[in-house]
Amino acid sequence: MSKIYKVQWTLNAKEDLLNIVAYIKEDSPTIAREIYQKIKNKANSNNFLPLRGRVVSELQKEGITIYRELISSPWRIMYKVDNDTVYIMAIFDSRQNVEELLLQKLIRNSMLTRQSNQ
């Protein structure tokens, strides 16, 4: 019997998904709902097999191998595994530059951290 993993969405990943849906909803609310469900279903699979996803290639080039991804075309669902929990970290459009998106997120998060520490 395979191990059961809990799936937890980070605030960042929730925000990514909501932004994707909001953007698509401007043109088609129906398609936005379908995409929302497609991504949620892929990420929240009851029989989540953490190693089925590939290591994020852009990060692997930098020696970072703890993040994996699932593809729900054209979306990339980035996650990491810690014990019995899978943390959904981010959702990216595969047509975008992932390195640039990650850098923007890191800069934004560090600015928010600095502001909250003041």
PDB file of N, CA and C in Angstrom:
ATOM      1  N   MET A   1       0.842  -1.184   0.000  1.00  0.00           N
ATOM      2  CA  MET A   1       0.000   0.000   0.000  1.00  0.00           C
ATOM      3  C   MET A   1       0.887   1.248   0.000  1.00  0.00           C
ATOM      4  N   SER A   2       0.536   2.209  -0.832  1.00  0.00           N
ATOM      5  CA  SER A   2       1.361   3.413  -0.923  1.00  0.00           C
ATOM      6  C   SER A   2       1.023   4.396   0.194  1.00  0.00           C
ATOM      7  N   LYS A   3       2.000   5.184   0.520  1.00  0.00           N
ATOM      8  CA  LYS A   3       1.867   6.187   1.573  1.00  0.00           C
ATOM      9  C   LYS A   3       0.895   7.283   1.132  1.00  0.00           C
ATOM     10  N   ILE A   4       0.096   7.763   2.067  1.00  0.00           N
ATOM     11  CA  ILE A   4      -0.827   8.860   1.789  1.00  0.00           C
ATOM     12  C   ILE A   4      -0.155  10.171   2.203  1.00  0.00           C
ATOM     13  N   TYR A   5      -0.151  11.124   1.307  1.00  0.00           N
ATOM     14  CA  TYR A   5       0.446  12.431   1.569  1.00  0.00           C
ATOM     15  C   TYR A   5      -0.639  13.484   1.714  1.00  0.00           C
ATOM     16  N   LYS A   6      -0.440  14.381   2.676  1.00  0.00           N
ATOM     17  CA  LYS A   6      -1.307  15.554   2.789  1.00  0.00           C
ATOM     18  C   LYS A   6      -0.810  16.569   1.777  1.00  0.00           C
ATOM     19  N   VAL A   7      -1.727  17.315   1.197  1.00  0.00           N
ATOM     20  CA  VAL A   7      -1.348  18.357   0.255  1.00  0.00           C
ATOM     21  C   VAL A   7      -1.703  19.696   0.872  1.00  0.00           C
ATOM     22  N   GLN A   8      -0.702  20.564   0.977  1.00  0.00           N
ATOM     23  CA  GLN A   8      -0.901  21.904   1.536  1.00  0.00           C
ATOM     24  C   GLN A   8      -0.504  22.939   0.492  1.00  0.00           C
ATOM     25  N   TRP A   9      -1.369  23.902   0.292  1.00  0.00           N
ATOM     26  CA  TRP A   9      -1.083  25.002  -0.625  1.00  0.00           C
ATOM     27  C   TRP A   9      -0.466  26.148   0.154  1.00  0.00           C
ATOM     28  N   THR A  10       0.653  26.672  -0.336  1.00  0.00           N
ATOM     29  CA  THR A  10       1.230  27.868   0.282  1.00  0.00           C
ATOM     30  C   THR A  10       0.409  29.080  -0.160  1.00  0.00           C
ATOM     31  N   LEU A  11       0.538  30.171   0.583  1.00  0.00           N
ATOM     32  CA  LEU A  11      -0.161  31.400   0.199  1.00  0.00           C
ATOM     33  C   LEU A  11       0.271  31.843  -1.191  1.00  0.00           C
ATOM     34  N   ASN A  12       1.537  31.687  -1.486  1.00  0.00           N
ATOM     35  CA  ASN A  12       2.068  32.062  -2.793  1.00  0.00           C
ATOM     36  C   ASN A  12       1.382  31.285  -3.919  1.00  0.00           C
ATOM     37  N   ALA A  13       1.230  29.986  -3.748  1.00  0.00           N
ATOM     38  CA  ALA A  13       0.593  29.157  -4.774  1.00  0.00           C
ATOM     39  C   ALA A  13      -0.892  29.499  -4.920  1.00  0.00           C
ATOM     40  N   LYS A  14      -1.556  29.753  -3.798  1.00  0.00           N
ATOM     41  CA  LYS A  14      -2.964  30.153  -3.866  1.00  0.00           C
ATOM     42  C   LYS A  14      -3.106  31.448  -4.646  1.00  0.00           C
ATOM     43  N   GLU A  15      -2.209  32.395  -4.370  1.00  0.00           N
ATOM     44  CA  GLU A  15      -2.232  33.681  -5.063  1.00  0.00           C
ATOM     45  C   GLU A  15      -1.970  33.492  -6.559  1.00  0.00           C
ATOM     46  N   ASP A  16      -1.015  32.633  -6.898  1.00  0.00           N
ATOM     47  CA  ASP A  16      -0.733  32.354  -8.309  1.00  0.00           C
ATOM     48  C   ASP A  16      -1.981  31.836  -9.019  1.00  0.00           C
ATOM     49  N   LEU A  17      -2.639  30.868  -8.391  1.00  0.00           N
ATOM     50  CA  LEU A  17      -3.824  30.270  -9.004  1.00  0.00           C
ATOM     51  C   LEU A  17      -4.939  31.297  -9.166  1.00  0.00           C
ATOM     52  N   LEU A  18      -5.161  32.093  -8.139  1.00  0.00           N
ATOM     53  CA  LEU A  18      -6.209  33.118  -8.226  1.00  0.00           C
ATOM     54  C   LEU A  18      -5.893  34.156  -9.300  1.00  0.00           C
ATOM     55  N   ASN A  19      -4.630  34.524  -9.449  1.00  0.00           N
ATOM     56  CA  ASN A  19      -4.231  35.475 -10.486  1.00  0.00           C
ATOM     57  C   ASN A  19      -4.449  34.904 -11.891  1.00  0.00           C
ATOM     58  N   ILE A  20      -4.126  33.634 -12.066  1.00  0.00           N
ATOM     59  CA  ILE A  20      -4.339  32.974 -13.353  1.00  0.00           C
ATOM     60  C   ILE A  20      -5.825  32.977 -13.698  1.00  0.00           C
ATOM     61  N   VAL A  21      -6.631  32.575 -12.736  1.00  0.00           N
ATOM     62  CA  VAL A  21      -8.076  32.496 -12.955  1.00  0.00           C
ATOM     63  C   VAL A  21      -8.663  33.880 -13.221  1.00  0.00           C
ATOM     64  N   ALA A  22      -8.239  34.882 -12.463  1.00  0.00           N
ATOM     65  CA  ALA A  22      -8.754  36.240 -12.658  1.00  0.00           C
ATOM     66  C   ALA A  22      -8.426  36.756 -14.052  1.00  0.00           C
ATOM     67  N   TYR A  23      -7.236  36.475 -14.520  1.00  0.00           N
ATOM     68  CA  TYR A  23      -6.821  36.934 -15.849  1.00  0.00           C
ATOM     69  C   TYR A  23      -7.682  36.277 -16.936  1.00  0.00           C
ATOM     70  N   ILE A  24      -7.868  34.969 -16.841  1.00  0.00           N
ATOM     71  CA  ILE A  24      -8.630  34.234 -17.849  1.00  0.00           C
ATOM     72  C   ILE A  24     -10.118  34.582 -17.769  1.00  0.00           C
ATOM     73  N   LYS A  25     -10.580  34.841 -16.565  1.00  0.00           N
ATOM     74  CA  LYS A  25     -12.002  35.142 -16.348  1.00  0.00           C
ATOM     75  C   LYS A  25     -12.450  36.381 -17.119  1.00  0.00           C
ATOM     76  N   GLU A  26     -11.526  37.308 -17.365  1.00  0.00           N
ATOM     77  CA  GLU A  26     -11.856  38.516 -18.133  1.00  0.00           C
ATOM     78  C   GLU A  26     -12.393  38.163 -19.516  1.00  0.00           C
ATOM     79  N   ASP A  27     -11.864  37.095 -20.115  1.00  0.00           N
ATOM     80  CA  ASP A  27     -12.310  36.660 -21.440  1.00  0.00           C
ATOM     81  C   ASP A  27     -13.374  35.573 -21.377  1.00  0.00           C
ATOM     82  N   SER A  28     -13.230  34.669 -20.417  1.00  0.00           N
ATOM     83  CA  SER A  28     -14.158  33.543 -20.356  1.00  0.00           C
ATOM     84  C   SER A  28     -14.265  32.973 -18.939  1.00  0.00           C
ATOM     85  N   PRO A  29     -15.334  33.327 -18.226  1.00  0.00           N
ATOM     86  CA  PRO A  29     -15.529  32.770 -16.886  1.00  0.00           C
ATOM     87  C   PRO A  29     -15.619  31.237 -16.881  1.00  0.00           C
ATOM     88  N   THR A  30     -16.197  30.670 -17.920  1.00  0.00           N
ATOM     89  CA  THR A  30     -16.342  29.211 -17.996  1.00  0.00           C
ATOM     90  C   THR A  30     -14.980  28.541 -18.095  1.00  0.00           C
ATOM     91  N   ILE A  31     -14.133  29.034 -18.979  1.00  0.00           N
ATOM     92  CA  ILE A  31     -12.791  28.462 -19.126  1.00  0.00           C
ATOM     93  C   ILE A  31     -11.981  28.687 -17.856  1.00  0.00           C
ATOM     94  N   ALA A  32     -12.145  29.836 -17.224  1.00  0.00           N
ATOM     95  CA  ALA A  32     -11.436  30.114 -15.963  1.00  0.00           C
ATOM     96  C   ALA A  32     -11.794  29.076 -14.906  1.00  0.00           C
ATOM     97  N   ARG A  33     -13.077  28.743 -14.787  1.00  0.00           N
ATOM     98  CA  ARG A  33     -13.503  27.711 -13.816  1.00  0.00           C
ATOM     99  C   ARG A  33     -12.905  26.351 -14.160  1.00  0.00           C
ATOM    100  N   GLU A  34     -12.895  26.023 -15.449  1.00  0.00           N
ATOM    101  CA  GLU A  34     -12.336  24.730 -15.886  1.00  0.00           C
ATOM    102  C   GLU A  34     -10.844  24.640 -15.554  1.00  0.00           C
ATOM    103  N   ILE A  35     -10.119  25.703 -15.813  1.00  0.00           N
ATOM    104  CA  ILE A  35      -8.675  25.719 -15.531  1.00  0.00           C
ATOM    105  C   ILE A  35      -8.432  25.621 -14.031  1.00  0.00           C
ATOM    106  N   TYR A  36      -9.221  26.355 -13.254  1.00  0.00           N
ATOM    107  CA  TYR A  36      -9.116  26.285 -11.791  1.00  0.00           C
ATOM    108  C   TYR A  36      -9.272  24.836 -11.330  1.00  0.00           C
ATOM    109  N   GLN A  37     -10.312  24.177 -11.792  1.00  0.00           N
ATOM    110  CA  GLN A  37     -10.575  22.785 -11.389  1.00  0.00           C
ATOM    111  C   GLN A  37      -9.474  21.848 -11.864  1.00  0.00           C
ATOM    112  N   LYS A  38      -9.008  22.055 -13.089  1.00  0.00           N
ATOM    113  CA  LYS A  38      -7.960  21.197 -13.655  1.00  0.00           C
ATOM    114  C   LYS A  38      -6.683  21.270 -12.812  1.00  0.00           C
ATOM    115  N   ILE A  39      -6.272  22.488 -12.474  1.00  0.00           N
ATOM    116  CA  ILE A  39      -5.050  22.658 -11.685  1.00  0.00           C
ATOM    117  C   ILE A  39      -5.241  22.114 -10.270  1.00  0.00           C
ATOM    118  N   LYS A  40      -6.368  22.436  -9.633  1.00  0.00           N
ATOM    119  CA  LYS A  40      -6.626  21.950  -8.273  1.00  0.00           C
ATOM    120  C   LYS A  40      -6.664  20.422  -8.239  1.00  0.00           C
ATOM    121  N   ASN A  41      -7.336  19.815  -9.201  1.00  0.00           N
ATOM    122  CA  ASN A  41      -7.426  18.353  -9.234  1.00  0.00           C
ATOM    123  C   ASN A  41      -6.063  17.707  -9.413  1.00  0.00           C
ATOM    124  N   LYS A  42      -5.255  18.276 -10.282  1.00  0.00           N
ATOM    125  CA  LYS A  42      -3.916  17.716 -10.520  1.00  0.00           C
ATOM    126  C   LYS A  42      -3.061  17.817  -9.251  1.00  0.00           C
ATOM    127  N   ALA A  43      -3.129  18.955  -8.581  1.00  0.00           N
ATOM    128  CA  ALA A  43      -2.303  19.178  -7.390  1.00  0.00           C
ATOM    129  C   ALA A  43      -2.819  18.431  -6.167  1.00  0.00           C
ATOM    130  N   ASN A  44      -4.115  18.244  -6.075  1.00  0.00           N
ATOM    131  CA  ASN A  44      -4.698  17.634  -4.878  1.00  0.00           C
ATOM    132  C   ASN A  44      -5.020  16.157  -5.032  1.00  0.00           C
ATOM    133  N   SER A  45      -4.409  15.519  -5.974  1.00  0.00           N
ATOM    134  CA  SER A  45      -4.661  14.109  -6.222  1.00  0.00           C
ATOM    135  C   SER A  45      -4.535  13.293  -4.935  1.00  0.00           C
ATOM    136  N   ASN A  46      -5.533  12.478  -4.646  1.00  0.00           N
ATOM    137  CA  ASN A  46      -5.529  11.651  -3.423  1.00  0.00           C
ATOM    138  C   ASN A  46      -4.372  10.666  -3.386  1.00  0.00           C
ATOM    139  N   ASN A  47      -3.977  10.202  -4.528  1.00  0.00           N
ATOM    140  CA  ASN A  47      -2.882   9.223  -4.567  1.00  0.00           C
ATOM    141  C   ASN A  47      -1.601   9.905  -5.037  1.00  0.00           C
ATOM    142  N   PHE A  48      -1.294  11.023  -4.405  1.00  0.00           N
ATOM    143  CA  PHE A  48      -0.130  11.826  -4.781  1.00  0.00           C
ATOM    144  C   PHE A  48       1.134  11.001  -4.631  1.00  0.00           C
ATOM    145  N   LEU A  49       1.845  10.859  -5.702  1.00  0.00           N
ATOM    146  CA  LEU A  49       3.133  10.171  -5.681  1.00  0.00           C
ATOM    147  C   LEU A  49       4.203  11.233  -5.902  1.00  0.00           C
ATOM    148  N   PRO A  50       4.807  11.714  -4.831  1.00  0.00           N
ATOM    149  CA  PRO A  50       5.698  12.874  -4.921  1.00  0.00           C
ATOM    150  C   PRO A  50       6.834  12.741  -5.922  1.00  0.00           C
ATOM    151  N   LEU A  51       7.317  11.544  -6.103  1.00  0.00           N
ATOM    152  CA  LEU A  51       8.458  11.389  -7.007  1.00  0.00           C
ATOM    153  C   LEU A  51       8.036  11.256  -8.463  1.00  0.00           C
ATOM    154  N   ARG A  52       6.715  11.297  -8.727  1.00  0.00           N
ATOM    155  CA  ARG A  52       6.278  11.191 -10.118  1.00  0.00           C
ATOM    156  C   ARG A  52       6.591  12.478 -10.884  1.00  0.00           C
ATOM    157  N   GLY A  53       6.681  13.578 -10.182  1.00  0.00           N
ATOM    158  CA  GLY A  53       7.007  14.849 -10.838  1.00  0.00           C
ATOM    159  C   GLY A  53       8.497  14.957 -11.073  1.00  0.00           C
ATOM    160  N   ARG A  54       8.846  15.710 -12.099  1.00  0.00           N
ATOM    161  CA  ARG A  54      10.261  15.887 -12.405  1.00  0.00           C
ATOM    162  C   ARG A  54      10.830  17.032 -11.569  1.00  0.00           C
ATOM    163  N   VAL A  55      12.140  16.998 -11.364  1.00  0.00           N
ATOM    164  CA  VAL A  55      12.835  18.091 -10.694  1.00  0.00           C
ATOM    165  C   VAL A  55      12.741  19.303 -11.621  1.00  0.00           C
ATOM    166  N   VAL A  56      12.508  20.487 -11.047  1.00  0.00           N
ATOM    167  CA  VAL A  56      12.394  21.713 -11.839  1.00  0.00           C
ATOM    168  C   VAL A  56      13.752  21.985 -12.490  1.00  0.00           C
ATOM    169  N   SER A  57      13.788  21.882 -13.814  1.00  0.00           N
ATOM    170  CA  SER A  57      15.071  21.925 -14.536  1.00  0.00           C
ATOM    171  C   SER A  57      15.825  23.238 -14.338  1.00  0.00           C
ATOM    172  N   GLU A  58      15.115  24.361 -14.295  1.00  0.00           N
ATOM    173  CA  GLU A  58      15.786  25.651 -14.113  1.00  0.00           C
ATOM    174  C   GLU A  58      16.489  25.737 -12.761  1.00  0.00           C
ATOM    175  N   LEU A  59      15.930  25.090 -11.761  1.00  0.00           N
ATOM    176  CA  LEU A  59      16.546  25.085 -10.434  1.00  0.00           C
ATOM    177  C   LEU A  59      17.631  24.012 -10.340  1.00  0.00           C
ATOM    178  N   GLN A  60      17.406  22.908 -11.009  1.00  0.00           N
ATOM    179  CA  GLN A  60      18.384  21.820 -10.983  1.00  0.00           C
ATOM    180  C   GLN A  60      19.725  22.289 -11.538  1.00  0.00           C
ATOM    181  N   LYS A  61      19.690  23.168 -12.542  1.00  0.00           N
ATOM    182  CA  LYS A  61      20.936  23.717 -13.105  1.00  0.00           C
ATOM    183  C   LYS A  61      21.735  24.465 -12.049  1.00  0.00           C
ATOM    184  N   GLU A  62      21.042  24.964 -11.028  1.00  0.00           N
ATOM    185  CA  GLU A  62      21.698  25.704  -9.949  1.00  0.00           C
ATOM    186  C   GLU A  62      21.980  24.805  -8.736  1.00  0.00           C
ATOM    187  N   GLY A  63      21.734  23.514  -8.880  1.00  0.00           N
ATOM    188  CA  GLY A  63      21.999  22.570  -7.801  1.00  0.00           C
ATOM    189  C   GLY A  63      20.867  22.436  -6.805  1.00  0.00           C
ATOM    190  N   ILE A  64      19.711  23.000  -7.108  1.00  0.00           N
ATOM    191  CA  ILE A  64      18.546  22.930  -6.210  1.00  0.00           C
ATOM    192  C   ILE A  64      17.633  21.821  -6.712  1.00  0.00           C
ATOM    193  N   THR A  65      17.525  20.750  -5.926  1.00  0.00           N
ATOM    194  CA  THR A  65      16.751  19.592  -6.395  1.00  0.00           C
ATOM    195  C   THR A  65      15.568  19.232  -5.498  1.00  0.00           C
ATOM    196  N   ILE A  66      15.255  20.079  -4.533  1.00  0.00           N
ATOM    197  CA  ILE A  66      14.153  19.742  -3.617  1.00  0.00           C
ATOM    198  C   ILE A  66      12.784  20.081  -4.199  1.00  0.00           C
ATOM    199  N   TYR A  67      12.767  20.836  -5.301  1.00  0.00           N
ATOM    200  CA  TYR A  67      11.486  21.223  -5.901  1.00  0.00           C
ATOM    201  C   TYR A  67      11.203  20.385  -7.133  1.00  0.00           C
ATOM    202  N   ARG A  68       9.979  19.912  -7.192  1.00  0.00           N
ATOM    203  CA  ARG A  68       9.533  19.109  -8.327  1.00  0.00           C
ATOM    204  C   ARG A  68       8.342  19.802  -8.957  1.00  0.00           C
ATOM    205  N   GLU A  69       7.920  19.280 -10.084  1.00  0.00           N
ATOM    206  CA  GLU A  69       6.768  19.887 -10.730  1.00  0.00           C
ATOM    207  C   GLU A  69       5.916  18.848 -11.441  1.00  0.00           C
ATOM    208  N   LEU A  70       4.641  19.173 -11.506  1.00  0.00           N
ATOM    209  CA  LEU A  70       3.677  18.434 -12.304  1.00  0.00           C
ATOM    210  C   LEU A  70       3.234  19.379 -13.409  1.00  0.00           C
ATOM    211  N   ILE A  71       2.885  18.810 -14.540  1.00  0.00           N
ATOM    212  CA  ILE A  71       2.428  19.625 -15.649  1.00  0.00           C
ATOM    213  C   ILE A  71       0.933  19.414 -15.826  1.00  0.00           C
ATOM    214  N   SER A  72       0.234  20.522 -15.877  1.00  0.00           N
ATOM    215  CA  SER A  72      -1.185  20.540 -16.235  1.00  0.00           C
ATOM    216  C   SER A  72      -1.245  21.587 -17.347  1.00  0.00           C
ATOM    217  N   SER A  73      -0.833  21.167 -18.519  1.00  0.00           N
ATOM    218  CA  SER A  73      -0.521  22.043 -19.639  1.00  0.00           C
ATOM    219  C   SER A  73      -1.537  23.172 -19.835  1.00  0.00           C
ATOM    220  N   PRO A  74      -1.042  24.406 -19.959  1.00  0.00           N
ATOM    221  CA  PRO A  74       0.348  24.851 -20.015  1.00  0.00           C
ATOM    222  C   PRO A  74       0.915  25.228 -18.652  1.00  0.00           C
ATOM    223  N   TRP A  75       0.292  24.803 -17.583  1.00  0.00           N
ATOM    224  CA  TRP A  75       0.692  25.225 -16.236  1.00  0.00           C
ATOM    225  C   TRP A  75       1.676  24.255 -15.623  1.00  0.00           C
ATOM    226  N   ARG A  76       2.624  24.812 -14.889  1.00  0.00           N
ATOM    227  CA  ARG A  76       3.599  24.029 -14.136  1.00  0.00           C
ATOM    228  C   ARG A  76       3.283  24.207 -12.655  1.00  0.00           C
ATOM    229  N   ILE A  77       3.059  23.111 -11.969  1.00  0.00           N
ATOM    230  CA  ILE A  77       2.721  23.127 -10.544  1.00  0.00           C
ATOM    231  C   ILE A  77       3.984  22.725  -9.786  1.00  0.00           C
ATOM    232  N   MET A  78       4.607  23.694  -9.120  1.00  0.00           N
ATOM    233  CA  MET A  78       5.850  23.443  -8.404  1.00  0.00           C
ATOM    234  C   MET A  78       5.539  23.066  -6.956  1.00  0.00           C
ATOM    235  N   TYR A  79       6.209  22.022  -6.467  1.00  0.00           N
ATOM    236  CA  TYR A  79       5.968  21.562  -5.099  1.00  0.00           C
ATOM    237  C   TYR A  79       7.245  21.022  -4.483  1.00  0.00           C
ATOM    238  N   LYS A  80       7.181  20.841  -3.163  1.00  0.00           N
ATOM    239  CA  LYS A  80       8.261  20.149  -2.458  1.00  0.00           C
ATOM    240  C   LYS A  80       7.611  19.207  -1.454  1.00  0.00           C
ATOM    241  N   VAL A  81       8.361  18.194  -1.074  1.00  0.00           N
ATOM    242  CA  VAL A  81       7.861  17.180  -0.153  1.00  0.00           C
ATOM    243  C   VAL A  81       8.641  17.270   1.148  1.00  0.00           C
ATOM    244  N   ASP A  82       7.906  17.237   2.253  1.00  0.00           N
ATOM    245  CA  ASP A  82       8.523  17.223   3.580  1.00  0.00           C
ATOM    246  C   ASP A  82       7.773  16.198   4.414  1.00  0.00           C
ATOM    247  N   ASN A  83       8.430  15.082   4.685  1.00  0.00           N
ATOM    248  CA  ASN A  83       7.829  13.957   5.413  1.00  0.00           C
ATOM    249  C   ASN A  83       6.565  13.478   4.710  1.00  0.00           C
ATOM    250  N   ASP A  84       5.397  13.666   5.341  1.00  0.00           N
ATOM    251  CA  ASP A  84       4.155  13.155   4.751  1.00  0.00           C
ATOM    252  C   ASP A  84       3.300  14.270   4.146  1.00  0.00           C
ATOM    253  N   THR A  85       3.925  15.417   3.878  1.00  0.00           N
ATOM    254  CA  THR A  85       3.193  16.553   3.334  1.00  0.00           C
ATOM    255  C   THR A  85       3.823  17.032   2.034  1.00  0.00           C
ATOM    256  N   VAL A  86       2.971  17.288   1.067  1.00  0.00           N
ATOM    257  CA  VAL A  86       3.391  17.885  -0.193  1.00  0.00           C
ATOM    258  C   VAL A  86       2.956  19.335  -0.138  1.00  0.00           C
ATOM    259  N   TYR A  87       3.904  20.238  -0.291  1.00  0.00           N
ATOM    260  CA  TYR A  87       3.614  21.668  -0.272  1.00  0.00           C
ATOM    261  C   TYR A  87       3.596  22.199  -1.708  1.00  0.00           C
ATOM    262  N   ILE A  88       2.436  22.691  -2.124  1.00  0.00           N
ATOM    263  CA  ILE A  88       2.329  23.309  -3.436  1.00  0.00           C
ATOM    264  C   ILE A  88       2.916  24.708  -3.276  1.00  0.00           C
ATOM    265  N   MET A  89       3.994  24.978  -4.005  1.00  0.00           N
ATOM    266  CA  MET A  89       4.761  26.207  -3.813  1.00  0.00           C
ATOM    267  C   MET A  89       4.383  27.319  -4.778  1.00  0.00           C
ATOM    268  N   ALA A  90       4.111  26.958  -6.032  1.00  0.00           N
ATOM    269  CA  ALA A  90       3.835  27.982  -7.038  1.00  0.00           C
ATOM    270  C   ALA A  90       3.185  27.339  -8.262  1.00  0.00           C
ATOM    271  N   ILE A  91       2.489  28.166  -9.019  1.00  0.00           N
ATOM    272  CA  ILE A  91       1.903  27.757 -10.291  1.00  0.00           C
ATOM    273  C   ILE A  91       2.437  28.731 -11.344  1.00  0.00           C
ATOM    274  N   PHE A  92       3.043  28.191 -12.395  1.00  0.00           N
ATOM    275  CA  PHE A  92       3.609  29.014 -13.453  1.00  0.00           C
ATOM    276  C   PHE A  92       3.015  28.648 -14.796  1.00  0.00           C
ATOM    277  N   ASP A  93       2.948  29.625 -15.660  1.00  0.00           N
ATOM    278  CA  ASP A  93       2.603  29.393 -17.055  1.00  0.00           C
ATOM    279  C   ASP A  93       3.901  28.958 -17.740  1.00  0.00           C
ATOM    280  N   SER A  94       3.897  27.799 -18.361  1.00  0.00           N
ATOM    281  CA  SER A  94       5.127  27.262 -18.952  1.00  0.00           C
ATOM    282  C   SER A  94       5.645  28.113 -20.106  1.00  0.00           C
ATOM    283  N   ARG A  95       4.841  29.029 -20.599  1.00  0.00           N
ATOM    284  CA  ARG A  95       5.277  29.904 -21.686  1.00  0.00           C
ATOM    285  C   ARG A  95       6.052  31.109 -21.161  1.00  0.00           C
ATOM    286  N   GLN A  96       6.146  31.229 -19.836  1.00  0.00           N
ATOM    287  CA  GLN A  96       6.872  32.338 -19.236  1.00  0.00           C
ATOM    288  C   GLN A  96       8.255  31.893 -18.777  1.00  0.00           C
ATOM    289  N   ASN A  97       9.124  32.853 -18.535  1.00  0.00           N
ATOM    290  CA  ASN A  97      10.478  32.597 -18.069  1.00  0.00           C
ATOM    291  C   ASN A  97      10.430  32.329 -16.558  1.00  0.00           C
ATOM    292  N   VAL A  98      10.639  31.086 -16.169  1.00  0.00           N
ATOM    293  CA  VAL A  98      10.517  30.687 -14.768  1.00  0.00           C
ATOM    294  C   VAL A  98      11.581  31.352 -13.900  1.00  0.00           C
ATOM    295  N   GLU A  99      12.810  31.474 -14.410  1.00  0.00           N
ATOM    296  CA  GLU A  99      13.859  32.112 -13.614  1.00  0.00           C
ATOM    297  C   GLU A  99      13.463  33.538 -13.242  1.00  0.00           C
ATOM    298  N   GLU A 100      12.933  34.273 -14.209  1.00  0.00           N
ATOM    299  CA  GLU A 100      12.534  35.652 -13.950  1.00  0.00           C
ATOM    300  C   GLU A 100      11.372  35.716 -12.949  1.00  0.00           C
ATOM    301  N   LEU A 101      10.408  34.823 -13.102  1.00  0.00           N
ATOM    302  CA  LEU A 101       9.271  34.798 -12.172  1.00  0.00           C
ATOM    303  C   LEU A 101       9.720  34.486 -10.746  1.00  0.00           C
ATOM    304  N   LEU A 102      10.627  33.527 -10.602  1.00  0.00           N
ATOM    305  CA  LEU A 102      11.123  33.171  -9.275  1.00  0.00           C
ATOM    306  C   LEU A 102      11.899  34.330  -8.655  1.00  0.00           C
ATOM    307  N   LEU A 103      12.700  34.994  -9.460  1.00  0.00           N
ATOM    308  CA  LEU A 103      13.455  36.135  -8.965  1.00  0.00           C
ATOM    309  C   LEU A 103      12.504  37.227  -8.485  1.00  0.00           C
ATOM    310  N   GLN A 104      11.459  37.512  -9.256  1.00  0.00           N
ATOM    311  CA  GLN A 104      10.470  38.520  -8.849  1.00  0.00           C
ATOM    312  C   GLN A 104       9.813  38.142  -7.521  1.00  0.00           C
ATOM    313  N   LYS A 105       9.471  36.855  -7.368  1.00  0.00           N
ATOM    314  CA  LYS A 105       8.843  36.396  -6.125  1.00  0.00           C
ATOM    315  C   LYS A 105       9.799  36.540  -4.938  1.00  0.00           C
ATOM    316  N   LEU A 106      11.071  36.186  -5.151  1.00  0.00           N
ATOM    317  CA  LEU A 106      12.049  36.308  -4.071  1.00  0.00           C
ATOM    318  C   LEU A 106      12.235  37.760  -3.655  1.00  0.00           C
ATOM    319  N   ILE A 107      12.327  38.642  -4.646  1.00  0.00           N
ATOM    320  CA  ILE A 107      12.488  40.070  -4.345  1.00  0.00           C
ATOM    321  C   ILE A 107      11.265  40.583  -3.597  1.00  0.00           C
ATOM    322  N   ARG A 108      10.081  40.235  -4.075  1.00  0.00           N
ATOM    323  CA  ARG A 108       8.850  40.697  -3.426  1.00  0.00           C
ATOM    324  C   ARG A 108       8.748  40.170  -1.999  1.00  0.00           C
ATOM    325  N   ASN A 109       9.066  38.888  -1.813  1.00  0.00           N
ATOM    326  CA  ASN A 109       8.998  38.295  -0.475  1.00  0.00           C
ATOM    327  C   ASN A 109      10.009  38.926   0.475  1.00  0.00           C
ATOM    328  N   SER A 110      11.211  39.230  -0.026  1.00  0.00           N
ATOM    329  CA  SER A 110      12.204  39.853   0.861  1.00  0.00           C
ATOM    330  C   SER A 110      11.786  41.269   1.229  1.00  0.00           C
ATOM    331  N   MET A 111      11.150  41.988   0.299  1.00  0.00           N
ATOM    332  CA  MET A 111      10.661  43.332   0.606  1.00  0.00           C
ATOM    333  C   MET A 111       9.538  43.275   1.643  1.00  0.00           C
ATOM    334  N   LEU A 112       8.650  42.309   1.500  1.00  0.00           N
ATOM    335  CA  LEU A 112       7.561  42.161   2.465  1.00  0.00           C
ATOM    336  C   LEU A 112       8.097  41.788   3.847  1.00  0.00           C
ATOM    337  N   THR A 113       9.111  40.949   3.881  1.00  0.00           N
ATOM    338  CA  THR A 113       9.724  40.545   5.152  1.00  0.00           C
ATOM    339  C   THR A 113      10.367  41.743   5.834  1.00  0.00           C
ATOM    340  N   ARG A 114      11.081  42.554   5.052  1.00  0.00           N
ATOM    341  CA  ARG A 114      11.710  43.758   5.614  1.00  0.00           C
ATOM    342  C   ARG A 114      10.660  44.711   6.174  1.00  0.00           C
ATOM    343  N   GLN A 115       9.571  44.887   5.459  1.00  0.00           N
ATOM    344  CA  GLN A 115       8.520  45.805   5.908  1.00  0.00           C
ATOM    345  C   GLN A 115       7.875  45.315   7.197  1.00  0.00           C
ATOM    346  N   SER A 116       7.667  44.013   7.292  1.00  0.00           N
ATOM    347  CA  SER A 116       7.022  43.481   8.505  1.00  0.00           C
ATOM    348  C   SER A 116       7.961  43.501   9.718  1.00  0.00           C
ATOM    349  N   ASN A 117       9.271  43.552   9.473  1.00  0.00           N
ATOM    350  CA  ASN A 117      10.242  43.596  10.561  1.00  0.00           C
ATOM    351  C   ASN A 117      10.540  45.009  11.049  1.00  0.00           C
ATOM    352  N   GLN A 118      10.004  45.999  10.361  1.00  0.00           N
ATOM    353  CA  GLN A 118      10.269  47.389  10.761  1.00  0.00           C
ATOM    354  C   GLN A 118       9.298  47.851  11.810  1.00  0.00           C
TER     355      GLN A 118
END
